[in-house]
Amino acid sequence: MKVSDRDFLRSFARVGLLSFGGPAAQISLMQTELVERRGWLDQRQFLGALSFCMLMPGPEAMQLATYAGWKLRGTLGGLITGLLFVLPGAAVIAALALAYAEWGEVPLVQALFSGIKAAVLVIVTQALWRLAGRALEGRAHWALAIMAFAAIYVGALPFPVIIAAAALWGAWTSRGATPEPPPHASPGQTARTLRTALIWAALWAAPVLAAYWAGATFLTDIALFFSKLAVVTFGGAYAVLAYMTQTVTQTHGWLSTDQMIDALGLAETTPGPLILVTQFVAMLAGFTTGGTGMALLAGALALWVTFVPCFLWIFTGAPYLDRILAQPRLRGALAAISAAVVGVIANLSLWFALHVLFGQIASTPFGAVPVLSSLSWTAAGLTALAALLMAALRIPMLPALALMALTGAAAHWWT
C-alpha cells in the first residue's frame, strides 16, 4: 500500500502525542488510526502483530507501533514510529523528574502527591482486575497466579525466576498440541536476520561497555540493571514494578519507597509507554548522585537500554511473525506468563496499599504486615474518593489525577 510521507508522519505523531492511559488505550488508539481510519493494516494483521508483541518482553504498545511502521516502511519506518511513540513522553518525563528532584521535598508538593498516590493505588488495582479477566481462563491459571503471588510476597523470589518458571510450565503443558503449518521463510532471510540482530545487539551493548570502561560505576549499574529489566518486562510496566522497586529501594538504595510511588504517579500523566518510569527512576538516582548533569546522563542511558532492545526484538522477529504464532508451545508459554503476571501485579497492588495507607509496616516470615494503629485516615479518605471518581463515576485518568492532587493539597491545608 502506498502511504505518503506526510500521512505516515502525521498519523504516528498523533499516536505518540495522544497515547495516554496505558497500553489498552494506546492499542485502541492504534486500532482506530491504523485499521479503521487509514486501512493501512487489516484486522487480522493487527491482531497477529499484537499477539507477537505480547510474546516479546517490553512495552507491547510501543512495539506494536514499531511493527506497524516496519510493515509500512521497513526498518527506517519502524525506527521512526517507535521513536515518535516514545520521545514526546520522554521529554515530559525529563522535565517532571528535574522539577521533582528540585522541589519534591516542599510540603505543598508532598501534599499534592498524597492525592496522586491514592489515585495510583486505584489505577493499579483496576489494571489487576482487567488483566485477571483476560489472563485467568481456568483453575490452572488461577493456581499459577496464586503461586506467583506467594513466591514474590512471601518467598521474595526474583521476578525473572517467576517468569521463567511460568514460561517453562506453559510450554511443557502445551506439548503434544499440533502446530499450524508455518509459511516458508524467504531466501536469505536467516542471514539478514542475523545481521540485524548483531547490529542492534551492538547498539544495545555500546553505552553499557562505554560506562564500564570509563570506570563510571553508577552509570554502569544503571545500564546493567535496566538492561536486565528490558529482558524480563513481560506483562507490562505494572508487572515489573515490584521487581524494580525491590532492587531500586533495597539493593541499590537509589530511591525511597515514597519516591517510587511518586514516580509511577507522574509516569501515568505522560503520553507514551508507562515503562518510561524507568527514565524517571534513573534521573532521580542520578540527581542524588551527581546533580542535574548526572540525572540527564542516567535518564538517557536508561532510555537507551530500555528501548533499543524493543527495536531488536521487532526487527529480528517481525519477518517470522506467522511462523512464531504457529507454535503452540510459545502460545502456551505466553498464557502461563500472563497468569503469573496477575499474581505479581497483585503483590504490587498490596505493596502500594500498605505504603499509602499505613505509616508503619512490620516484616514477618509471611511477608509485610501493616501496623494497624498507623493507619492514615486522610490517606484512606483520599483512596475512597479516588475509587469513587475513577471506578464508580469513570472519570478519565488525567482529570481524576488532577482532582486528586488538588484534594490532597486541600486536605493538607485543612489539617
Protein backbone atom coordinates (compact mmCIF):
# COMPACT_ATOMS: atom_id res chain seq x y z
CA MET A 1 0.00 0.00 0.00
CA LYS A 2 1.27 3.45 -0.97
CA VAL A 3 1.45 5.75 2.07
CA SER A 4 2.58 9.35 1.70
CA ASP A 5 5.35 10.66 3.92
CA ARG A 6 3.04 13.37 5.25
CA ASP A 7 0.24 10.98 6.22
CA PHE A 8 2.71 8.49 7.69
CA LEU A 9 4.42 11.04 9.94
CA ARG A 10 1.20 12.83 10.89
CA SER A 11 -0.62 9.65 11.91
CA PHE A 12 2.17 8.23 14.03
CA ALA A 13 2.96 11.61 15.58
CA ARG A 14 -0.71 11.77 16.57
CA VAL A 15 -0.46 8.31 18.15
CA GLY A 16 2.66 9.37 20.07
CA LEU A 17 1.20 12.64 21.36
CA LEU A 18 -2.20 11.20 22.35
CA SER A 19 -1.04 7.89 23.81
CA PHE A 20 -2.21 8.47 27.37
CA GLY A 21 -3.89 5.88 29.56
CA GLY A 22 -1.67 2.81 29.37
CA PRO A 23 -1.40 0.03 26.77
CA ALA A 24 -5.13 -0.71 26.47
CA ALA A 25 -5.92 2.87 25.50
CA GLN A 26 -2.82 3.09 23.27
CA ILE A 27 -3.69 -0.12 21.40
CA SER A 28 -7.27 1.12 20.95
CA LEU A 29 -5.94 4.39 19.51
CA MET A 30 -3.78 2.50 17.00
CA GLN A 31 -6.71 0.24 16.09
CA THR A 32 -8.75 3.33 15.28
CA GLU A 33 -5.98 5.16 13.41
CA LEU A 34 -4.27 2.33 11.52
CA VAL A 35 -7.08 -0.16 10.87
CA GLU A 36 -10.36 1.73 10.89
CA ARG A 37 -9.41 5.23 9.75
CA ARG A 38 -6.42 4.64 7.45
CA GLY A 39 -6.82 0.98 6.47
CA TRP A 40 -3.05 0.51 6.49
CA LEU A 41 -3.37 -2.82 8.33
CA ASP A 42 -6.32 -5.21 8.16
CA GLN A 43 -7.82 -6.62 11.37
CA ARG A 44 -6.05 -9.98 11.06
CA GLN A 45 -2.65 -8.33 10.57
CA PHE A 46 -3.24 -6.02 13.52
CA LEU A 47 -4.28 -8.80 15.93
CA GLY A 48 -1.47 -11.08 14.78
CA ALA A 49 1.05 -8.28 15.33
CA LEU A 50 -0.41 -7.60 18.78
CA SER A 51 -0.06 -11.28 19.74
CA PHE A 52 3.54 -11.22 18.51
CA CYS A 53 4.33 -8.11 20.58
CA MET A 54 2.82 -9.72 23.66
CA LEU A 55 5.19 -12.65 23.19
CA MET A 56 8.15 -10.28 23.43
CA PRO A 57 9.44 -8.57 26.59
CA GLY A 58 8.93 -4.83 26.67
CA PRO A 59 6.01 -2.41 26.20
CA GLU A 60 3.65 -4.09 23.75
CA ALA A 61 2.03 -0.85 22.54
CA MET A 62 5.37 0.74 21.62
CA GLN A 63 6.43 -2.46 19.89
CA LEU A 64 3.12 -2.60 18.02
CA ALA A 65 3.70 0.94 16.72
CA THR A 66 7.23 -0.10 15.69
CA TYR A 67 5.92 -3.18 13.89
CA ALA A 68 3.30 -1.13 12.05
CA GLY A 69 6.00 1.27 10.86
CA TRP A 70 8.19 -1.67 9.79
CA LYS A 71 5.29 -3.22 7.88
CA LEU A 72 4.61 0.03 6.02
CA ARG A 73 8.13 1.41 5.50
CA GLY A 74 10.70 -1.20 6.53
CA THR A 75 13.34 -0.73 9.21
CA LEU A 76 13.51 3.07 8.85
CA GLY A 77 9.74 3.29 9.16
CA GLY A 78 9.76 1.13 12.30
CA LEU A 79 12.51 3.26 13.82
CA ILE A 80 10.56 6.46 13.11
CA THR A 81 7.27 5.17 14.54
CA GLY A 82 8.92 3.72 17.63
CA LEU A 83 10.70 7.00 18.36
CA LEU A 84 7.53 9.03 17.75
CA PHE A 85 5.79 6.83 20.31
CA VAL A 86 8.50 7.26 22.97
CA LEU A 87 10.10 10.70 22.59
CA PRO A 88 7.16 13.01 23.47
CA GLY A 89 6.62 11.25 26.79
CA ALA A 90 10.37 11.04 27.44
CA ALA A 91 10.70 14.82 27.06
CA VAL A 92 7.84 15.38 29.53
CA ILE A 93 9.29 12.85 31.98
CA ALA A 94 12.69 14.57 31.86
CA ALA A 95 11.13 17.92 32.79
CA LEU A 96 8.98 16.37 35.53
CA ALA A 97 11.91 14.43 37.01
CA LEU A 98 14.11 17.52 37.27
CA ALA A 99 11.27 19.54 38.79
CA TYR A 100 10.52 16.76 41.27
CA ALA A 101 14.19 16.40 42.22
CA GLU A 102 14.35 20.14 42.90
CA TRP A 103 11.05 20.68 44.72
CA GLY A 104 9.80 17.22 45.74
CA GLU A 105 10.50 17.83 49.42
CA VAL A 106 8.39 21.01 49.59
CA PRO A 107 5.35 20.33 51.87
CA LEU A 108 2.84 21.58 49.29
CA VAL A 109 4.31 19.28 46.64
CA GLN A 110 4.17 16.35 49.06
CA ALA A 111 0.51 17.19 49.74
CA LEU A 112 -0.24 17.18 46.02
CA PHE A 113 1.37 13.76 45.74
CA SER A 114 -0.67 12.37 48.63
CA GLY A 115 -3.72 12.65 46.37
CA ILE A 116 -1.86 11.26 43.35
CA LYS A 117 -0.69 8.24 45.38
CA ALA A 118 -4.28 7.41 46.28
CA ALA A 119 -5.21 7.59 42.58
CA VAL A 120 -2.25 5.37 41.63
CA LEU A 121 -3.46 2.73 44.09
CA VAL A 122 -6.83 2.67 42.32
CA ILE A 123 -5.19 2.64 38.86
CA VAL A 124 -3.02 -0.38 39.71
CA THR A 125 -5.99 -2.22 41.23
CA GLN A 126 -8.03 -1.59 38.09
CA ALA A 127 -5.14 -2.87 35.95
CA LEU A 128 -5.07 -6.03 38.07
CA TRP A 129 -8.81 -6.54 37.62
CA ARG A 130 -8.68 -6.11 33.83
CA LEU A 131 -5.66 -8.39 33.40
CA ALA A 132 -7.17 -11.10 35.62
CA GLY A 133 -10.30 -11.10 33.48
CA ARG A 134 -8.25 -11.68 30.31
CA ALA A 135 -5.47 -13.93 31.56
CA LEU A 136 -7.08 -16.36 34.04
CA GLU A 137 -9.05 -18.79 31.91
CA GLY A 138 -9.25 -21.80 34.22
CA ARG A 139 -8.26 -23.31 37.54
CA ALA A 140 -4.69 -23.95 36.42
CA HIS A 141 -4.16 -20.29 35.62
CA TRP A 142 -5.73 -19.20 38.91
CA ALA A 143 -3.41 -21.59 40.77
CA LEU A 144 -0.42 -20.22 38.84
CA ALA A 145 -1.36 -16.64 39.74
CA ILE A 146 -1.72 -17.53 43.43
CA MET A 147 1.63 -19.33 43.46
CA ALA A 148 3.32 -16.37 41.75
CA PHE A 149 1.87 -14.01 44.37
CA ALA A 150 3.08 -16.23 47.22
CA ALA A 151 6.50 -16.66 45.61
CA ILE A 152 7.17 -12.92 45.38
CA TYR A 153 5.33 -11.72 48.51
CA VAL A 154 6.23 -14.46 50.98
CA GLY A 155 9.23 -16.12 49.34
CA ALA A 156 10.73 -12.89 47.90
CA LEU A 157 11.73 -14.76 44.73
CA PRO A 158 13.10 -12.53 41.95
CA PHE A 159 10.64 -11.60 39.22
CA PRO A 160 12.76 -13.13 36.38
CA VAL A 161 12.75 -16.51 38.15
CA ILE A 162 8.94 -16.45 38.45
CA ILE A 163 8.51 -15.52 34.78
CA ALA A 164 10.97 -18.21 33.63
CA ALA A 165 9.23 -20.88 35.72
CA ALA A 166 5.81 -19.89 34.37
CA ALA A 167 7.06 -19.95 30.77
CA LEU A 168 8.57 -23.41 31.20
CA TRP A 169 5.37 -24.70 32.79
CA GLY A 170 3.25 -23.26 29.97
CA ALA A 171 5.47 -24.71 27.27
CA TRP A 172 5.58 -28.14 28.98
CA THR A 173 1.79 -28.35 29.40
CA SER A 174 1.31 -27.40 25.73
CA ARG A 175 3.42 -30.29 24.44
CA GLY A 176 1.66 -32.59 22.04
CA ALA A 177 -0.51 -29.86 20.53
CA THR A 178 -0.47 -29.80 16.75
CA PRO A 179 1.25 -26.70 15.34
CA GLU A 180 -0.26 -24.83 12.43
CA PRO A 181 1.61 -25.23 9.13
CA PRO A 182 4.03 -22.26 9.06
CA PRO A 183 4.88 -20.35 5.88
CA HIS A 184 8.33 -20.74 4.39
CA ALA A 185 10.96 -18.06 5.03
CA SER A 186 12.18 -16.07 2.02
CA PRO A 187 15.67 -16.90 0.62
CA GLY A 188 18.47 -15.25 2.57
CA GLN A 189 16.18 -14.32 5.44
CA THR A 190 18.31 -16.08 8.05
CA ALA A 191 21.43 -14.13 7.08
CA ARG A 192 19.53 -10.84 7.07
CA THR A 193 18.05 -11.61 10.48
CA LEU A 194 21.46 -12.48 11.94
CA ARG A 195 22.93 -9.24 10.61
CA THR A 196 20.04 -7.22 12.04
CA ALA A 197 20.34 -8.91 15.43
CA LEU A 198 24.09 -8.28 15.62
CA ILE A 199 23.70 -4.59 14.72
CA TRP A 200 21.00 -3.92 17.33
CA ALA A 201 22.72 -6.02 19.99
CA ALA A 202 25.90 -3.99 19.44
CA LEU A 203 23.93 -0.74 19.73
CA TRP A 204 22.39 -2.02 22.97
CA ALA A 205 25.75 -3.02 24.44
CA ALA A 206 27.76 0.04 23.33
CA PRO A 207 26.87 2.51 26.14
CA VAL A 208 26.98 -0.27 28.75
CA LEU A 209 30.56 -1.13 27.76
CA ALA A 210 31.49 2.55 27.48
CA ALA A 211 30.31 3.24 31.04
CA TYR A 212 32.22 0.19 32.30
CA TRP A 213 35.48 1.07 30.50
CA ALA A 214 35.22 4.67 31.72
CA GLY A 215 35.04 3.43 35.30
CA ALA A 216 31.65 5.12 35.86
CA THR A 217 30.34 2.71 38.50
CA PHE A 218 26.95 4.36 38.98
CA LEU A 219 26.23 4.60 35.25
CA THR A 220 27.38 1.00 34.77
CA ASP A 221 24.97 -0.14 37.48
CA ILE A 222 22.16 1.85 35.83
CA ALA A 223 22.94 0.37 32.41
CA LEU A 224 23.18 -3.22 33.65
CA PHE A 225 20.07 -3.06 35.82
CA PHE A 226 17.78 -1.52 33.21
CA SER A 227 19.22 -3.81 30.51
CA LYS A 228 18.21 -6.78 32.64
CA LEU A 229 14.81 -5.18 33.17
CA ALA A 230 14.35 -4.91 29.39
CA VAL A 231 14.64 -8.69 29.09
CA VAL A 232 12.04 -9.57 31.76
CA THR A 233 9.32 -6.96 31.17
CA PHE A 234 6.64 -9.46 30.20
CA GLY A 235 3.20 -8.23 31.18
CA GLY A 236 3.98 -4.53 31.01
CA ALA A 237 5.32 -2.00 33.45
CA TYR A 238 2.99 -2.90 36.32
CA ALA A 239 4.32 -6.45 36.39
CA VAL A 240 7.96 -5.45 36.57
CA LEU A 241 7.46 -2.58 39.05
CA ALA A 242 7.59 -4.87 42.06
CA TYR A 243 10.97 -6.22 40.97
CA MET A 244 12.23 -2.75 40.07
CA THR A 245 11.04 -1.31 43.37
CA GLN A 246 12.73 -4.04 45.39
CA THR A 247 16.05 -3.55 43.59
CA VAL A 248 15.97 0.26 43.46
CA THR A 249 14.92 0.82 47.07
CA GLN A 250 16.61 -2.10 48.86
CA THR A 251 19.53 -3.39 46.80
CA HIS A 252 20.87 -0.10 45.42
CA GLY A 253 19.17 2.40 47.72
CA TRP A 254 18.73 4.86 44.85
CA LEU A 255 15.17 5.91 45.79
CA SER A 256 12.81 5.67 48.76
CA THR A 257 9.51 3.80 48.67
CA ASP A 258 7.55 7.07 48.57
CA GLN A 259 9.63 8.31 45.64
CA MET A 260 8.88 5.10 43.72
CA ILE A 261 5.15 5.62 44.17
CA ASP A 262 5.51 9.26 43.10
CA ALA A 263 7.47 8.14 40.03
CA LEU A 264 4.63 5.91 38.88
CA GLY A 265 2.10 8.67 39.56
CA LEU A 266 3.98 11.10 37.31
CA ALA A 267 4.56 8.47 34.62
CA GLU A 268 0.78 7.93 34.49
CA THR A 269 0.30 11.59 33.49
CA THR A 270 2.51 11.49 30.38
CA PRO A 271 1.97 10.15 26.85
CA GLY A 272 3.89 7.09 25.74
CA PRO A 273 4.58 3.75 27.43
CA LEU A 274 4.32 3.54 31.21
CA ILE A 275 7.75 1.88 31.25
CA LEU A 276 9.10 5.44 30.91
CA VAL A 277 9.00 5.26 34.70
CA THR A 278 12.50 3.72 34.29
CA GLN A 279 13.76 7.06 32.96
CA PHE A 280 12.25 8.90 35.92
CA VAL A 281 13.83 6.50 38.41
CA ALA A 282 17.24 6.75 36.73
CA MET A 283 17.08 10.55 36.68
CA LEU A 284 16.21 10.80 40.37
CA ALA A 285 19.02 8.40 41.23
CA GLY A 286 21.40 10.39 39.04
CA PHE A 287 20.37 13.71 40.57
CA THR A 288 21.09 12.35 44.05
CA THR A 289 24.46 11.03 42.89
CA GLY A 290 25.77 13.95 40.83
CA GLY A 291 23.20 16.69 40.22
CA THR A 292 21.45 17.74 37.03
CA GLY A 293 24.16 16.60 34.62
CA MET A 294 24.27 13.10 36.05
CA ALA A 295 20.47 12.98 36.10
CA LEU A 296 20.31 13.70 32.36
CA LEU A 297 23.04 11.13 31.61
CA ALA A 298 21.37 8.45 33.72
CA GLY A 299 17.96 9.14 32.19
CA ALA A 300 19.32 8.98 28.64
CA LEU A 301 21.14 5.73 29.43
CA ALA A 302 18.01 4.18 30.95
CA LEU A 303 16.00 5.17 27.88
CA TRP A 304 18.62 3.66 25.57
CA VAL A 305 18.86 0.26 27.27
CA THR A 306 15.08 0.11 27.76
CA PHE A 307 14.02 0.78 24.18
CA VAL A 308 16.90 -0.33 21.93
CA PRO A 309 16.06 -3.96 22.90
CA CYS A 310 12.47 -3.32 21.72
CA PHE A 311 13.79 -2.50 18.25
CA LEU A 312 15.98 -5.60 18.42
CA TRP A 313 13.01 -7.88 19.19
CA ILE A 314 10.79 -6.38 16.48
CA PHE A 315 13.27 -6.07 13.63
CA THR A 316 14.64 -9.60 14.11
CA GLY A 317 11.31 -11.29 14.82
CA ALA A 318 8.87 -9.47 12.53
CA PRO A 319 9.82 -11.40 9.35
CA TYR A 320 8.99 -14.62 11.22
CA LEU A 321 5.69 -13.43 12.70
CA ASP A 322 3.48 -16.09 11.13
CA ARG A 323 5.94 -18.88 11.96
CA ILE A 324 6.15 -17.76 15.61
CA LEU A 325 2.39 -17.59 16.09
CA ALA A 326 2.00 -21.09 14.63
CA GLN A 327 3.90 -22.65 17.58
CA PRO A 328 1.54 -23.90 20.35
CA ARG A 329 4.32 -24.09 22.94
CA LEU A 330 5.06 -20.40 22.53
CA ARG A 331 1.37 -19.59 22.89
CA GLY A 332 1.21 -21.79 26.00
CA ALA A 333 4.27 -20.09 27.49
CA LEU A 334 2.70 -16.67 26.89
CA ALA A 335 -0.58 -17.70 28.53
CA ALA A 336 1.28 -19.01 31.59
CA ILE A 337 3.38 -15.84 31.82
CA SER A 338 0.21 -13.74 31.68
CA ALA A 339 -1.31 -15.77 34.53
CA ALA A 340 1.82 -15.40 36.67
CA VAL A 341 1.87 -11.67 35.97
CA VAL A 342 -1.57 -11.40 37.59
CA GLY A 343 -0.05 -12.67 40.83
CA VAL A 344 2.90 -10.29 40.51
CA ILE A 345 0.60 -7.30 39.99
CA ALA A 346 -1.49 -8.42 42.97
CA ASN A 347 1.70 -8.21 45.03
CA LEU A 348 2.35 -4.72 43.64
CA SER A 349 -1.22 -3.63 44.48
CA LEU A 350 -0.86 -4.86 48.04
CA TRP A 351 2.55 -3.20 48.36
CA PHE A 352 1.13 0.11 47.21
CA ALA A 353 -1.88 -0.17 49.53
CA LEU A 354 0.28 -0.87 52.59
CA HIS A 355 2.65 2.05 51.93
CA VAL A 356 -0.09 4.53 51.00
CA LEU A 357 -2.46 3.73 53.88
CA PHE A 358 -0.13 2.85 56.77
CA GLY A 359 2.78 4.69 58.32
CA GLN A 360 4.47 1.56 59.70
CA ILE A 361 4.98 -1.85 58.09
CA ALA A 362 6.29 -4.85 60.03
CA SER A 363 8.30 -7.67 58.43
CA THR A 364 7.18 -11.22 59.24
CA PRO A 365 8.03 -14.68 57.87
CA PHE A 366 4.80 -14.41 55.86
CA GLY A 367 5.62 -11.06 54.26
CA ALA A 368 4.97 -7.45 55.19
CA VAL A 369 2.14 -6.79 57.65
CA PRO A 370 0.80 -3.29 58.48
CA VAL A 371 0.77 -1.88 62.00
CA LEU A 372 -2.96 -1.18 62.26
CA SER A 373 -2.56 1.73 64.66
CA SER A 374 -0.53 3.57 62.00
CA LEU A 375 -3.46 3.80 59.56
CA SER A 376 -3.69 7.25 57.96
CA TRP A 377 -7.36 8.24 57.85
CA THR A 378 -6.53 11.04 55.43
CA ALA A 379 -4.94 8.56 53.00
CA ALA A 380 -7.89 6.20 53.42
CA GLY A 381 -10.32 9.01 52.64
CA LEU A 382 -8.34 10.08 49.58
CA THR A 383 -8.24 6.48 48.33
CA ALA A 384 -12.01 6.14 48.77
CA LEU A 385 -12.52 9.37 46.81
CA ALA A 386 -10.17 8.16 44.04
CA ALA A 387 -12.13 4.90 43.80
CA LEU A 388 -15.39 6.87 43.55
CA LEU A 389 -14.05 9.14 40.80
CA MET A 390 -12.26 6.52 38.70
CA ALA A 391 -14.13 3.25 39.31
CA ALA A 392 -17.68 4.38 40.03
CA LEU A 393 -18.02 7.66 38.10
CA ARG A 394 -15.47 6.58 35.44
CA ILE A 395 -13.83 10.00 35.22
CA PRO A 396 -10.87 9.83 32.77
CA MET A 397 -7.46 9.28 34.32
CA LEU A 398 -5.84 12.68 33.71
CA PRO A 399 -8.74 14.78 35.11
CA ALA A 400 -9.02 12.37 38.03
CA LEU A 401 -5.31 12.69 38.82
CA ALA A 402 -5.59 16.49 38.72
CA LEU A 403 -8.62 16.43 41.03
CA MET A 404 -6.89 14.09 43.46
CA ALA A 405 -3.76 16.28 43.54
CA LEU A 406 -5.88 19.34 44.39
CA THR A 407 -7.81 17.36 47.01
CA GLY A 408 -4.56 16.21 48.60
CA ALA A 409 -3.39 19.83 48.82
CA ALA A 410 -6.73 20.88 50.31
CA ALA A 411 -6.56 18.09 52.90
CA HIS A 412 -3.06 19.22 53.86
CA TRP A 413 -4.24 22.83 54.26
CA TRP A 414 -7.32 21.76 56.28
CA THR A 415 -5.35 19.63 58.71
